[in-house]
């Protein structure tokens, strides 16, 4: 029995505008590219894996958004490459091609979480793919700036003030500010 693209969990249907020149075939993984349009999932970084294509969407000769594709989110059975074994359950898997997943993340995008590994396919919960992508992008985020969220490190400890006068409090406060700036929690003073 061929189990590729067999539905294992019902979640929701997405209607996504299709990229110019793209053709999406039922029973393959759909992705959303950086422009926000549906494309066939492939081994490429930066894609948001949307789910399984439900209806043929042939925009080969159309402009971006001329047509839409119906994509179902949920858990689906896909082919697994040799990196996936019975012990891969609850591991993140990545797109190898439109119907195959792998444990190898290099140059690919997350397809979802493996929920079962059987002789005839790998069940992947695709509802988690965008969450995984967002978490991964947070790990790769640059340092925070005054206008952009990003990673910050923990600030060095600032001991409780034991100052007995205003000058001492100012000194302790300035030490705290220096530590917050060094950790990236606060923007550093402008160079003069």
C-alpha atoms as a PDB file:
ATOM      1  CA  UNK A   1       0.000   0.000   0.000  1.00  0.00           C
ATOM      2  CA  UNK A   2       1.321   3.452  -0.902  1.00  0.00           C
ATOM      3  CA  UNK A   3       0.731   5.680   2.132  1.00  0.00           C
ATOM      4  CA  UNK A   4       2.420   8.850   0.880  1.00  0.00           C
ATOM      5  CA  UNK A   5       0.139  11.832   1.557  1.00  0.00           C
ATOM      6  CA  UNK A   6      -2.373   9.820   3.619  1.00  0.00           C
ATOM      7  CA  UNK A   7      -4.029  12.160   6.108  1.00  0.00           C
ATOM      8  CA  UNK A   8      -3.468  11.250   9.759  1.00  0.00           C
ATOM      9  CA  UNK A   9      -4.849  14.297  11.613  1.00  0.00           C
ATOM     10  CA  UNK A  10      -7.484  16.846  10.646  1.00  0.00           C
ATOM     11  CA  UNK A  11      -6.607  20.476  11.422  1.00  0.00           C
ATOM     12  CA  UNK A  12      -7.380  23.103   8.857  1.00  0.00           C
ATOM     13  CA  UNK A  13      -7.484  24.171   5.263  1.00  0.00           C
ATOM     14  CA  UNK A  14      -5.446  27.054   3.887  1.00  0.00           C
ATOM     15  CA  UNK A  15      -6.168  28.874   0.642  1.00  0.00           C
ATOM     16  CA  UNK A  16      -2.865  30.353  -0.539  1.00  0.00           C
ATOM     17  CA  UNK A  17      -2.130  32.514  -3.588  1.00  0.00           C
ATOM     18  CA  UNK A  18       0.245  30.713  -5.969  1.00  0.00           C
ATOM     19  CA  UNK A  19       3.615  32.054  -7.142  1.00  0.00           C
ATOM     20  CA  UNK A  20       4.108  33.023 -10.763  1.00  0.00           C
ATOM     21  CA  UNK A  21       5.175  30.024 -12.846  1.00  0.00           C
ATOM     22  CA  UNK A  22       4.437  27.515 -10.065  1.00  0.00           C
ATOM     23  CA  UNK A  23       2.529  24.261 -10.420  1.00  0.00           C
ATOM     24  CA  UNK A  24       1.415  22.486  -7.246  1.00  0.00           C
ATOM     25  CA  UNK A  25       0.270  18.876  -7.518  1.00  0.00           C
ATOM     26  CA  UNK A  26      -2.006  17.053  -5.043  1.00  0.00           C
ATOM     27  CA  UNK A  27      -0.169  14.758  -2.637  1.00  0.00           C
ATOM     28  CA  UNK A  28       2.947  16.939  -2.418  1.00  0.00           C
ATOM     29  CA  UNK A  29       4.128  19.374   0.225  1.00  0.00           C
ATOM     30  CA  UNK A  30       3.300  23.040  -0.300  1.00  0.00           C
ATOM     31  CA  UNK A  31       5.455  25.867   0.985  1.00  0.00           C
ATOM     32  CA  UNK A  32       5.138  29.619   1.201  1.00  0.00           C
ATOM     33  CA  UNK A  33       8.100  31.498  -0.254  1.00  0.00           C
ATOM     34  CA  UNK A  34       9.611  34.745   1.000  1.00  0.00           C
ATOM     35  CA  UNK A  35       7.157  36.731  -1.139  1.00  0.00           C
ATOM     36  CA  UNK A  36       4.177  35.025   0.536  1.00  0.00           C
ATOM     37  CA  UNK A  37       3.162  32.820  -2.409  1.00  0.00           C
ATOM     38  CA  UNK A  38       2.657  29.066  -2.551  1.00  0.00           C
ATOM     39  CA  UNK A  39       5.299  26.934  -4.238  1.00  0.00           C
ATOM     40  CA  UNK A  40       6.055  23.224  -4.249  1.00  0.00           C
ATOM     41  CA  UNK A  41       8.188  22.430  -1.203  1.00  0.00           C
ATOM     42  CA  UNK A  42      11.810  21.701  -2.014  1.00  0.00           C
ATOM     43  CA  UNK A  43      15.151  21.478  -0.274  1.00  0.00           C
ATOM     44  CA  UNK A  44      15.644  25.202   0.296  1.00  0.00           C
ATOM     45  CA  UNK A  45      16.109  27.462   3.299  1.00  0.00           C
ATOM     46  CA  UNK A  46      13.573  30.107   4.262  1.00  0.00           C
ATOM     47  CA  UNK A  47      10.397  28.327   3.161  1.00  0.00           C
ATOM     48  CA  UNK A  48       7.350  28.046   5.428  1.00  0.00           C
ATOM     49  CA  UNK A  49       5.977  24.554   4.936  1.00  0.00           C
ATOM     50  CA  UNK A  50       2.200  24.902   4.771  1.00  0.00           C
ATOM     51  CA  UNK A  51       0.944  21.320   4.456  1.00  0.00           C
ATOM     52  CA  UNK A  52      -0.255  18.887   1.798  1.00  0.00           C
ATOM     53  CA  UNK A  53      -1.572  20.133  -1.554  1.00  0.00           C
ATOM     54  CA  UNK A  54      -5.229  19.111  -1.917  1.00  0.00           C
ATOM     55  CA  UNK A  55      -6.053  20.452  -5.387  1.00  0.00           C
ATOM     56  CA  UNK A  56      -4.047  20.943  -8.565  1.00  0.00           C
ATOM     57  CA  UNK A  57      -2.951  24.551  -8.964  1.00  0.00           C
ATOM     58  CA  UNK A  58      -1.225  25.253 -12.281  1.00  0.00           C
ATOM     59  CA  UNK A  59       0.001  28.837 -12.495  1.00  0.00           C
ATOM     60  CA  UNK A  60       2.723  27.981 -15.005  1.00  0.00           C
ATOM     61  CA  UNK A  61       1.796  30.884 -17.254  1.00  0.00           C
ATOM     62  CA  UNK A  62       0.195  33.158 -14.667  1.00  0.00           C
ATOM     63  CA  UNK A  63       1.345  36.030 -12.515  1.00  0.00           C
ATOM     64  CA  UNK A  64       1.811  35.744  -8.775  1.00  0.00           C
ATOM     65  CA  UNK A  65      -1.567  35.486  -7.077  1.00  0.00           C
ATOM     66  CA  UNK A  66      -3.595  34.831 -10.231  1.00  0.00           C
ATOM     67  CA  UNK A  67      -4.840  31.562  -8.722  1.00  0.00           C
ATOM     68  CA  UNK A  68      -4.930  29.942  -5.288  1.00  0.00           C
ATOM     69  CA  UNK A  69      -4.167  26.462  -4.020  1.00  0.00           C
ATOM     70  CA  UNK A  70      -5.959  24.500  -1.317  1.00  0.00           C
ATOM     71  CA  UNK A  71      -3.539  23.133   1.268  1.00  0.00           C
ATOM     72  CA  UNK A  72      -4.442  20.970   4.244  1.00  0.00           C
ATOM     73  CA  UNK A  73      -2.469  21.219   7.458  1.00  0.00           C
ATOM     74  CA  UNK A  74      -2.247  18.181   9.660  1.00  0.00           C
ATOM     75  CA  UNK A  75      -0.248  14.994   9.990  1.00  0.00           C
ATOM     76  CA  UNK A  76       0.625  13.280   6.731  1.00  0.00           C
ATOM     77  CA  UNK A  77       2.634  10.254   5.703  1.00  0.00           C
ATOM     78  CA  UNK A  78       5.685  11.066   3.578  1.00  0.00           C
ATOM     79  CA  UNK A  79       8.645   9.138   2.288  1.00  0.00           C
ATOM     80  CA  UNK A  80      11.622   9.197   4.637  1.00  0.00           C
ATOM     81  CA  UNK A  81      15.254   9.081   3.619  1.00  0.00           C
ATOM     82  CA  UNK A  82      17.868   6.858   5.276  1.00  0.00           C
ATOM     83  CA  UNK A  83      18.505   9.362   8.096  1.00  0.00           C
ATOM     84  CA  UNK A  84      15.094   8.559   9.601  1.00  0.00           C
ATOM     85  CA  UNK A  85      14.756   5.472  11.784  1.00  0.00           C
ATOM     86  CA  UNK A  86      12.207   4.112  14.263  1.00  0.00           C
ATOM     87  CA  UNK A  87      13.949   6.184  16.978  1.00  0.00           C
ATOM     88  CA  UNK A  88      13.276   9.448  15.114  1.00  0.00           C
ATOM     89  CA  UNK A  89       9.804   9.898  16.646  1.00  0.00           C
ATOM     90  CA  UNK A  90       9.329  13.463  17.981  1.00  0.00           C
ATOM     91  CA  UNK A  91      12.339  14.700  16.009  1.00  0.00           C
ATOM     92  CA  UNK A  92      12.147  17.704  13.728  1.00  0.00           C
ATOM     93  CA  UNK A  93      12.319  16.670  10.082  1.00  0.00           C
ATOM     94  CA  UNK A  94      13.148  18.757   7.036  1.00  0.00           C
ATOM     95  CA  UNK A  95      12.081  18.811   3.399  1.00  0.00           C
ATOM     96  CA  UNK A  96      14.276  16.736   1.090  1.00  0.00           C
ATOM     97  CA  UNK A  97      11.882  17.015  -1.861  1.00  0.00           C
ATOM     98  CA  UNK A  98       8.140  17.460  -2.403  1.00  0.00           C
ATOM     99  CA  UNK A  99       7.279  14.022  -0.950  1.00  0.00           C
ATOM    100  CA  UNK A 100      10.351  13.128   1.147  1.00  0.00           C
ATOM    101  CA  UNK A 101      11.571  14.221   4.577  1.00  0.00           C
ATOM    102  CA  UNK A 102      15.013  13.965   6.190  1.00  0.00           C
ATOM    103  CA  UNK A 103      16.672  14.653   9.526  1.00  0.00           C
ATOM    104  CA  UNK A 104      19.340  16.702   7.717  1.00  0.00           C
ATOM    105  CA  UNK A 105      18.623  20.422   8.232  1.00  0.00           C
ATOM    106  CA  UNK A 106      21.423  21.813   6.054  1.00  0.00           C
ATOM    107  CA  UNK A 107      20.022  23.863   3.173  1.00  0.00           C
ATOM    108  CA  UNK A 108      16.414  22.948   3.963  1.00  0.00           C
ATOM    109  CA  UNK A 109      13.309  24.101   5.841  1.00  0.00           C
ATOM    110  CA  UNK A 110      11.447  22.302   8.669  1.00  0.00           C
ATOM    111  CA  UNK A 111       8.570  20.092   7.504  1.00  0.00           C
ATOM    112  CA  UNK A 112       7.298  19.289  10.989  1.00  0.00           C
ATOM    113  CA  UNK A 113       7.583  16.782  13.825  1.00  0.00           C
ATOM    114  CA  UNK A 114       7.842  13.030  13.190  1.00  0.00           C
ATOM    115  CA  UNK A 115       5.024  11.224  15.016  1.00  0.00           C
ATOM    116  CA  UNK A 116       5.489   7.711  13.599  1.00  0.00           C
ATOM    117  CA  UNK A 117       7.987   5.775  11.508  1.00  0.00           C
ATOM    118  CA  UNK A 118       6.609   2.752   9.683  1.00  0.00           C
ATOM    119  CA  UNK A 119       7.986   0.548   6.929  1.00  0.00           C
ATOM    120  CA  UNK A 120       5.862   2.337   4.340  1.00  0.00           C
ATOM    121  CA  UNK A 121       6.320   5.953   5.431  1.00  0.00           C
ATOM    122  CA  UNK A 122       6.984   8.631   8.015  1.00  0.00           C
ATOM    123  CA  UNK A 123       4.062  10.425   9.670  1.00  0.00           C
ATOM    124  CA  UNK A 124       4.808  14.137  10.057  1.00  0.00           C
ATOM    125  CA  UNK A 125       2.741  16.615  12.078  1.00  0.00           C
ATOM    126  CA  UNK A 126       2.969  19.558   9.690  1.00  0.00           C
ATOM    127  CA  UNK A 127       1.080  21.944  11.961  1.00  0.00           C
ATOM    128  CA  UNK A 128       4.321  22.580  13.848  1.00  0.00           C
ATOM    129  CA  UNK A 129       6.472  23.504  10.834  1.00  0.00           C
ATOM    130  CA  UNK A 130       5.965  27.270  11.073  1.00  0.00           C
ATOM    131  CA  UNK A 131       6.547  27.247  14.842  1.00  0.00           C
ATOM    132  CA  UNK A 132       9.824  25.396  14.303  1.00  0.00           C
ATOM    133  CA  UNK A 133      10.790  27.904  11.622  1.00  0.00           C
ATOM    134  CA  UNK A 134      10.054  30.839  13.948  1.00  0.00           C
ATOM    135  CA  UNK A 135      12.038  29.322  16.812  1.00  0.00           C
ATOM    136  CA  UNK A 136      14.942  28.562  14.488  1.00  0.00           C
ATOM    137  CA  UNK A 137      14.931  32.126  13.195  1.00  0.00           C
ATOM    138  CA  UNK A 138      15.005  33.434  16.763  1.00  0.00           C
ATOM    139  CA  UNK A 139      18.123  31.330  17.357  1.00  0.00           C
ATOM    140  CA  UNK A 140      19.753  32.967  14.349  1.00  0.00           C
ATOM    141  CA  UNK A 141      18.571  36.489  15.144  1.00  0.00           C
ATOM    142  CA  UNK A 142      21.116  39.278  15.333  1.00  0.00           C
ATOM    143  CA  UNK A 143      21.645  41.315  18.452  1.00  0.00           C
ATOM    144  CA  UNK A 144      18.770  43.535  19.491  1.00  0.00           C
ATOM    145  CA  UNK A 145      18.817  47.203  18.515  1.00  0.00           C
ATOM    146  CA  UNK A 146      16.734  50.172  19.636  1.00  0.00           C
ATOM    147  CA  UNK A 147      14.190  49.378  16.896  1.00  0.00           C
ATOM    148  CA  UNK A 148      14.561  45.637  16.230  1.00  0.00           C
ATOM    149  CA  UNK A 149      13.964  42.698  18.550  1.00  0.00           C
ATOM    150  CA  UNK A 150      16.851  40.282  18.770  1.00  0.00           C
ATOM    151  CA  UNK A 151      18.991  38.207  21.055  1.00  0.00           C
ATOM    152  CA  UNK A 152      20.369  39.667  24.237  1.00  0.00           C
ATOM    153  CA  UNK A 153      22.600  38.081  26.819  1.00  0.00           C
ATOM    154  CA  UNK A 154      22.079  38.169  30.542  1.00  0.00           C
ATOM    155  CA  UNK A 155      23.430  41.308  32.147  1.00  0.00           C
ATOM    156  CA  UNK A 156      26.151  40.996  34.745  1.00  0.00           C
ATOM    157  CA  UNK A 157      24.923  41.009  38.323  1.00  0.00           C
ATOM    158  CA  UNK A 158      24.519  44.374  40.001  1.00  0.00           C
ATOM    159  CA  UNK A 159      24.778  44.113  43.750  1.00  0.00           C
ATOM    160  CA  UNK A 160      22.148  45.852  45.827  1.00  0.00           C
ATOM    161  CA  UNK A 161      23.159  49.401  46.567  1.00  0.00           C
ATOM    162  CA  UNK A 162      24.532  50.164  50.004  1.00  0.00           C
ATOM    163  CA  UNK A 163      25.021  53.830  49.151  1.00  0.00           C
ATOM    164  CA  UNK A 164      24.386  56.264  51.943  1.00  0.00           C
ATOM    165  CA  UNK A 165      24.331  59.425  49.831  1.00  0.00           C
ATOM    166  CA  UNK A 166      23.164  60.614  46.395  1.00  0.00           C
ATOM    167  CA  UNK A 167      26.640  60.354  44.859  1.00  0.00           C
ATOM    168  CA  UNK A 168      26.856  56.690  45.851  1.00  0.00           C
ATOM    169  CA  UNK A 169      23.410  55.950  44.379  1.00  0.00           C
ATOM    170  CA  UNK A 170      24.409  57.663  41.120  1.00  0.00           C
ATOM    171  CA  UNK A 171      27.587  55.566  40.958  1.00  0.00           C
ATOM    172  CA  UNK A 172      25.647  52.330  41.557  1.00  0.00           C
ATOM    173  CA  UNK A 173      22.989  53.335  39.003  1.00  0.00           C
ATOM    174  CA  UNK A 174      25.619  54.139  36.359  1.00  0.00           C
ATOM    175  CA  UNK A 175      27.251  50.740  36.960  1.00  0.00           C
ATOM    176  CA  UNK A 176      23.863  49.115  36.318  1.00  0.00           C
ATOM    177  CA  UNK A 177      23.402  51.110  33.103  1.00  0.00           C
ATOM    178  CA  UNK A 178      26.871  50.036  31.910  1.00  0.00           C
ATOM    179  CA  UNK A 179      26.027  46.369  32.521  1.00  0.00           C
ATOM    180  CA  UNK A 180      22.664  46.644  30.722  1.00  0.00           C
ATOM    181  CA  UNK A 181      24.333  48.262  27.712  1.00  0.00           C
ATOM    182  CA  UNK A 182      27.087  45.631  27.634  1.00  0.00           C
ATOM    183  CA  UNK A 183      24.453  42.874  27.619  1.00  0.00           C
ATOM    184  CA  UNK A 184      22.541  44.499  24.760  1.00  0.00           C
ATOM    185  CA  UNK A 185      19.450  45.138  26.868  1.00  0.00           C
ATOM    186  CA  UNK A 186      19.913  48.869  26.375  1.00  0.00           C
ATOM    187  CA  UNK A 187      21.364  50.734  23.403  1.00  0.00           C
ATOM    188  CA  UNK A 188      24.904  51.976  24.047  1.00  0.00           C
ATOM    189  CA  UNK A 189      25.615  55.700  24.272  1.00  0.00           C
ATOM    190  CA  UNK A 190      26.150  57.389  20.910  1.00  0.00           C
ATOM    191  CA  UNK A 191      29.823  57.904  20.089  1.00  0.00           C
ATOM    192  CA  UNK A 192      30.806  61.522  20.391  1.00  0.00           C
END
